[in-house]
Amino acid sequence: MSAISGLEGLSPTINIIKHTKKIAIANKESIICGWDLIKKEIKKHKTVFCPVDSEHFSLWYELFSKKKKEMSIEKIFLTASGGPFVNYSIKQLKNVNIEDALNHPNWKMGKKISVDSATMMNKVFEIIEAKNIFNIPYDKISILIHPKSYIHAIIKYNDGMIKLICHDTTMKIPIHNTLYEENANRTMKSAKLNLNKLNYLNISNIKVKKYPIIKVLNNLPKNNSLFETVVVSANDQLVKLFLNKKIRFNDISRILLDFIKNKDFNKYKKIKPSNINQITKLNEYVRLKIMSLSI
């Protein structure tokens, strides 16, 4: 399992593929920035790939079992809890601090991913991942707010069927099922069906004004490119600045949206990553650019 955080996990992920029959990837940055490189190695060494993120695991579990991948997909919905600020007003978001941003209501996570969940950047990353993993265009993937995090994905097929994939808020379930996917007798102890959650799903559309960072999706190219590395690297550095109290919470989305519109980075939308070195160098360059803007 590849679970090293950040772009530092890309090289180990690619290098380990030739040594294993199956690789379960929980590293978002690898799938976002280096998916073409990963696919090449997976195909070359005939390694089985499984996503571990709860949303992508849910989709993979439904689509790649029982030949469901042969059915046509009309739309995919990834759910987001809304993070710690799901009940905050836009005015309240102006004064939130680090402790507020790290106080996720459903999941216990590291600081970086907790902040990404609070801004909704984590969901932007997950849409890019879903596009890559399942080869589905962006216009067929949407975000829904679901505070209880019981439903992880919804699939609408073009035959009228709609599937809701649910499980409790624990990563034990995705990890267990990706590791033991080929074992027909796989079982694990889990909680009983939660009727309280099912009877009060409270699902709604995401509000762009409240989570402006999702506008990043409007700037992404249709095909994989080095531009995704620009987005990932800029966000990583901005989150670090926020955690170091150099910028405010709302500055993360404001600066990022301005930064990725810079004409110096447009050229990367047309450049497909061909090696890890390309991605690493661009990551360093973008981080330095963000630092220079914040001084």
Protein backbone atom coordinates (compact mmCIF):
# COMPACT_ATOMS: atom_id res chain seq x y z
CA MET A 1 0.00 0.00 0.00
CA SER A 2 1.27 3.43 -0.97
CA ALA A 3 0.22 5.93 1.68
CA ILE A 4 3.12 8.41 1.85
CA SER A 5 1.69 11.93 2.02
CA GLY A 6 2.37 14.54 -0.66
CA LEU A 7 4.32 14.45 -3.91
CA GLU A 8 7.11 12.74 -1.99
CA GLY A 9 5.02 9.60 -2.38
CA LEU A 10 5.12 9.59 -6.19
CA SER A 11 8.59 8.13 -6.70
CA PRO A 12 8.20 5.29 -4.14
CA THR A 13 4.77 4.49 -5.58
CA ILE A 14 6.12 4.09 -9.11
CA ASN A 15 9.23 2.22 -7.97
CA ILE A 16 7.32 -0.37 -5.94
CA ILE A 17 4.92 -1.40 -8.72
CA LYS A 18 7.39 -3.82 -10.32
CA HIS A 19 7.86 -5.61 -6.99
CA THR A 20 4.21 -6.37 -6.20
CA LYS A 21 1.24 -8.15 -7.77
CA LYS A 22 -1.18 -5.57 -6.38
CA ILE A 23 -0.79 -1.96 -5.31
CA ALA A 24 -3.35 -0.07 -3.24
CA ILE A 25 -2.76 3.69 -3.54
CA ALA A 26 -3.91 6.18 -0.90
CA ASN A 27 -1.58 8.94 -2.11
CA LYS A 28 -3.70 11.55 -3.91
CA GLU A 29 -0.79 13.46 -5.39
CA SER A 30 0.56 10.39 -7.18
CA ILE A 31 -2.74 9.75 -8.92
CA ILE A 32 -3.30 13.44 -9.73
CA CYS A 33 0.17 14.34 -11.00
CA GLY A 34 1.66 11.05 -12.14
CA TRP A 35 -1.26 8.88 -13.25
CA ASP A 36 0.09 8.33 -16.77
CA LEU A 37 3.43 7.20 -15.32
CA ILE A 38 1.67 4.89 -12.86
CA LYS A 39 -0.56 3.38 -15.57
CA LYS A 40 2.48 2.70 -17.73
CA GLU A 41 4.21 0.77 -14.93
CA ILE A 42 1.03 -1.08 -13.94
CA LYS A 43 0.51 -2.24 -17.51
CA LYS A 44 4.17 -3.14 -17.97
CA HIS A 45 4.36 -5.31 -14.83
CA LYS A 46 0.73 -6.53 -14.91
CA THR A 47 0.14 -5.17 -11.42
CA VAL A 48 -3.41 -4.87 -10.09
CA PHE A 49 -4.34 -1.35 -8.95
CA CYS A 50 -6.85 -0.52 -6.19
CA PRO A 51 -7.76 2.96 -4.89
CA VAL A 52 -8.00 3.33 -1.11
CA ASP A 53 -9.67 6.74 -0.71
CA SER A 54 -13.17 5.97 0.58
CA GLU A 55 -14.90 7.71 -2.36
CA HIS A 56 -12.81 6.07 -5.06
CA PHE A 57 -12.81 2.73 -3.31
CA SER A 58 -16.63 2.90 -3.26
CA LEU A 59 -16.74 3.62 -7.00
CA TRP A 60 -14.14 0.95 -7.77
CA TYR A 61 -15.98 -1.60 -5.60
CA GLU A 62 -19.19 -0.99 -7.52
CA LEU A 63 -17.82 -0.54 -11.05
CA PHE A 64 -15.08 -3.13 -11.13
CA SER A 65 -16.94 -5.98 -9.46
CA LYS A 66 -19.65 -8.14 -11.01
CA LYS A 67 -18.86 -6.65 -14.44
CA LYS A 68 -20.53 -3.37 -13.55
CA LYS A 69 -17.86 -1.56 -15.56
CA GLU A 70 -19.71 -2.66 -18.69
CA MET A 71 -22.68 -0.48 -17.79
CA SER A 72 -22.74 3.10 -19.04
CA ILE A 73 -22.44 5.85 -16.47
CA GLU A 74 -24.54 8.97 -16.78
CA LYS A 75 -23.19 10.77 -13.71
CA ILE A 76 -21.03 10.23 -10.64
CA PHE A 77 -21.49 12.16 -7.42
CA LEU A 78 -18.74 12.33 -4.80
CA THR A 79 -19.97 13.32 -1.37
CA ALA A 80 -18.23 15.80 0.91
CA SER A 81 -18.94 16.29 4.59
CA GLY A 82 -18.44 20.02 4.24
CA GLY A 83 -15.65 19.81 6.80
CA PRO A 84 -15.62 21.72 10.09
CA PHE A 85 -17.26 24.77 8.50
CA VAL A 86 -20.31 23.08 7.02
CA ASN A 87 -22.62 25.14 9.29
CA TYR A 88 -20.59 28.36 9.14
CA SER A 89 -21.78 31.43 7.25
CA ILE A 90 -19.52 33.09 4.68
CA LYS A 91 -19.07 35.96 7.14
CA GLN A 92 -17.93 33.59 9.90
CA LEU A 93 -15.25 32.09 7.63
CA LYS A 94 -13.35 35.38 7.69
CA ASN A 95 -12.27 34.83 11.28
CA VAL A 96 -11.58 31.09 11.55
CA ASN A 97 -8.23 29.94 12.96
CA ILE A 98 -6.00 26.88 12.58
CA GLU A 99 -7.65 24.96 15.42
CA ASP A 100 -11.06 25.51 13.82
CA ALA A 101 -9.85 24.24 10.44
CA LEU A 102 -8.33 21.09 11.96
CA ASN A 103 -11.46 20.15 13.89
CA HIS A 104 -13.07 17.82 11.36
CA PRO A 105 -16.42 16.47 12.61
CA ASN A 106 -16.18 12.95 11.13
CA TRP A 107 -12.59 11.96 10.37
CA LYS A 108 -9.34 12.08 12.33
CA MET A 109 -6.73 13.10 9.77
CA GLY A 110 -3.39 14.86 9.46
CA LYS A 111 -3.18 18.65 9.45
CA LYS A 112 -2.68 19.07 5.70
CA ILE A 113 -5.63 16.94 4.60
CA SER A 114 -7.81 18.45 7.36
CA VAL A 115 -7.22 21.94 5.97
CA ASP A 116 -7.88 20.67 2.43
CA SER A 117 -11.16 19.25 3.67
CA ALA A 118 -12.06 22.58 5.25
CA THR A 119 -11.41 24.53 2.04
CA MET A 120 -12.91 21.70 -0.10
CA MET A 121 -9.64 21.36 -2.02
CA ASN A 122 -9.60 17.72 -0.98
CA LYS A 123 -12.76 17.18 -3.01
CA VAL A 124 -11.25 18.98 -6.00
CA PHE A 125 -8.35 16.52 -5.80
CA GLU A 126 -10.78 13.61 -5.58
CA ILE A 127 -12.60 14.71 -8.73
CA ILE A 128 -9.27 14.77 -10.59
CA GLU A 129 -8.50 11.31 -9.20
CA ALA A 130 -11.89 9.96 -10.27
CA LYS A 131 -11.41 11.37 -13.76
CA ASN A 132 -8.04 9.64 -14.02
CA ILE A 133 -8.89 6.31 -12.41
CA PHE A 134 -12.22 5.72 -14.13
CA ASN A 135 -11.51 7.63 -17.36
CA ILE A 136 -14.63 9.76 -16.89
CA PRO A 137 -14.79 13.40 -18.09
CA TYR A 138 -15.13 16.19 -15.55
CA ASP A 139 -18.64 17.09 -16.71
CA LYS A 140 -19.87 13.69 -15.50
CA ILE A 141 -18.57 14.16 -11.94
CA SER A 142 -20.19 16.39 -9.31
CA ILE A 143 -19.85 17.18 -5.61
CA LEU A 144 -22.67 16.84 -3.09
CA ILE A 145 -22.54 17.95 0.55
CA HIS A 146 -23.39 15.12 2.95
CA PRO A 147 -22.39 16.07 6.53
CA LYS A 148 -22.74 12.57 8.00
CA SER A 149 -20.20 10.98 5.58
CA TYR A 150 -22.27 7.77 5.41
CA ILE A 151 -22.72 7.79 1.64
CA HIS A 152 -19.39 8.01 -0.13
CA ALA A 153 -20.45 7.99 -3.76
CA ILE A 154 -23.57 7.91 -5.89
CA ILE A 155 -23.63 6.46 -9.40
CA LYS A 156 -26.42 7.20 -11.87
CA TYR A 157 -26.47 4.80 -14.80
CA ASN A 158 -28.06 5.58 -18.16
CA ASP A 159 -30.57 2.76 -17.68
CA GLY A 160 -32.28 4.67 -14.85
CA MET A 161 -30.61 2.81 -11.99
CA ILE A 162 -29.01 4.81 -9.18
CA LYS A 163 -26.58 3.21 -6.73
CA LEU A 164 -25.66 4.70 -3.35
CA ILE A 165 -22.46 3.27 -1.88
CA CYS A 166 -22.41 3.57 1.91
CA HIS A 167 -20.19 2.53 4.78
CA ASP A 168 -19.27 3.81 8.22
CA THR A 169 -16.68 6.56 8.62
CA THR A 170 -13.72 4.26 9.05
CA MET A 171 -10.88 3.57 6.64
CA LYS A 172 -10.75 -0.03 7.88
CA ILE A 173 -13.45 -0.95 5.35
CA PRO A 174 -11.72 0.36 2.18
CA ILE A 175 -8.34 -0.96 3.32
CA HIS A 176 -9.69 -4.42 4.19
CA ASN A 177 -11.55 -4.78 0.90
CA THR A 178 -8.71 -3.56 -1.31
CA LEU A 179 -6.21 -5.89 0.37
CA TYR A 180 -8.49 -8.93 0.34
CA GLU A 181 -10.45 -8.13 -2.82
CA GLU A 182 -9.74 -11.49 -4.48
CA ASN A 183 -10.69 -13.52 -1.39
CA ALA A 184 -14.30 -14.63 -1.81
CA ASN A 185 -14.54 -15.40 1.92
CA ARG A 186 -13.35 -11.99 3.09
CA THR A 187 -15.26 -10.81 6.15
CA MET A 188 -14.75 -8.19 8.83
CA LYS A 189 -16.67 -7.04 11.85
CA SER A 190 -18.53 -3.81 11.19
CA ALA A 191 -21.33 -1.73 12.69
CA LYS A 192 -24.96 -2.56 12.10
CA LEU A 193 -26.92 -0.73 9.43
CA ASN A 194 -27.37 2.81 10.75
CA LEU A 195 -31.04 3.64 10.17
CA ASN A 196 -30.72 7.03 11.83
CA LYS A 197 -28.23 8.10 9.20
CA LEU A 198 -30.19 6.53 6.35
CA ASN A 199 -33.38 8.30 7.46
CA TYR A 200 -31.63 11.66 7.61
CA LEU A 201 -29.11 11.80 4.79
CA ASN A 202 -29.29 15.61 4.48
CA ILE A 203 -27.67 15.83 1.03
CA SER A 204 -27.40 19.16 -0.79
CA ASN A 205 -25.58 20.82 -3.67
CA ILE A 206 -22.30 22.52 -2.89
CA LYS A 207 -22.30 26.33 -2.60
CA VAL A 208 -19.53 27.91 -4.65
CA LYS A 209 -19.62 31.17 -2.67
CA LYS A 210 -18.90 29.27 0.51
CA TYR A 211 -16.28 26.99 -1.04
CA PRO A 212 -14.78 29.13 -3.86
CA ILE A 213 -11.79 26.84 -4.25
CA ILE A 214 -13.88 24.40 -6.30
CA LYS A 215 -13.62 26.95 -9.13
CA VAL A 216 -10.18 25.43 -9.66
CA LEU A 217 -12.03 22.74 -11.63
CA ASN A 218 -12.97 25.33 -14.27
CA ASN A 219 -9.28 25.89 -15.00
CA LEU A 220 -8.24 22.27 -15.48
CA PRO A 221 -7.47 20.86 -18.94
CA LYS A 222 -9.47 17.85 -20.14
CA ASN A 223 -6.39 15.67 -20.52
CA ASN A 224 -3.66 14.88 -17.98
CA SER A 225 -0.95 17.53 -17.92
CA LEU A 226 1.71 19.16 -15.77
CA PHE A 227 -0.82 21.83 -14.83
CA GLU A 228 -2.21 19.51 -12.15
CA THR A 229 1.23 19.61 -10.52
CA VAL A 230 1.00 23.42 -10.49
CA VAL A 231 -2.33 23.20 -8.65
CA VAL A 232 -1.18 20.57 -6.15
CA SER A 233 2.12 22.30 -5.38
CA ALA A 234 0.62 25.77 -5.02
CA ASN A 235 -2.08 24.49 -2.67
CA ASP A 236 0.43 22.51 -0.60
CA GLN A 237 2.56 25.58 -0.07
CA LEU A 238 -0.43 27.79 0.75
CA VAL A 239 -1.68 25.31 3.36
CA LYS A 240 1.80 25.27 4.88
CA LEU A 241 1.76 29.08 5.06
CA PHE A 242 -1.65 28.98 6.75
CA LEU A 243 -0.48 26.41 9.30
CA ASN A 244 2.54 28.62 9.98
CA LYS A 245 0.21 31.60 10.52
CA LYS A 246 1.58 33.53 7.55
CA ILE A 247 -1.78 33.83 5.76
CA ARG A 248 -5.45 33.63 6.74
CA PHE A 249 -7.78 30.74 5.95
CA ASN A 250 -9.65 32.55 3.16
CA ASP A 251 -6.32 33.53 1.59
CA ILE A 252 -5.71 29.92 0.56
CA SER A 253 -8.49 29.86 -2.03
CA ARG A 254 -8.09 33.52 -3.02
CA ILE A 255 -4.36 33.27 -3.74
CA LEU A 256 -4.63 29.85 -5.38
CA LEU A 257 -7.34 30.93 -7.82
CA ASP A 258 -5.32 34.00 -8.83
CA PHE A 259 -2.07 32.06 -9.01
CA ILE A 260 -3.21 29.32 -11.40
CA LYS A 261 -4.53 31.94 -13.85
CA ASN A 262 -1.00 33.29 -14.27
CA LYS A 263 -0.09 33.14 -17.97
CA ASP A 264 3.31 31.65 -17.09
CA PHE A 265 1.55 28.43 -16.12
CA ASN A 266 -0.86 28.11 -19.06
CA LYS A 267 1.77 26.32 -21.12
CA TYR A 268 1.75 23.41 -18.67
CA LYS A 269 -1.84 22.58 -19.63
CA LYS A 270 -0.51 21.29 -22.95
CA ILE A 271 2.48 19.37 -21.57
CA LYS A 272 1.96 15.75 -20.59
CA PRO A 273 4.29 14.52 -17.80
CA SER A 274 6.83 12.07 -19.18
CA ASN A 275 8.99 11.47 -16.11
CA ILE A 276 9.14 12.06 -12.36
CA ASN A 277 11.93 14.62 -12.69
CA GLN A 278 9.63 16.95 -14.63
CA ILE A 279 7.04 16.85 -11.86
CA THR A 280 9.62 17.29 -9.08
CA LYS A 281 11.25 20.32 -10.68
CA LEU A 282 7.92 22.00 -11.37
CA ASN A 283 6.83 21.32 -7.79
CA GLU A 284 9.91 23.11 -6.46
CA TYR A 285 9.48 26.03 -8.87
CA VAL A 286 5.82 26.57 -7.95
CA ARG A 287 6.54 26.44 -4.23
CA LEU A 288 9.23 29.10 -4.61
CA LYS A 289 6.82 31.27 -6.62
CA ILE A 290 4.18 31.01 -3.90
CA MET A 291 6.76 31.88 -1.25
CA SER A 292 7.88 34.95 -3.21
CA LEU A 293 4.28 36.17 -3.40
CA SER A 294 3.76 35.81 0.34
CA ILE A 295 6.85 37.70 1.49
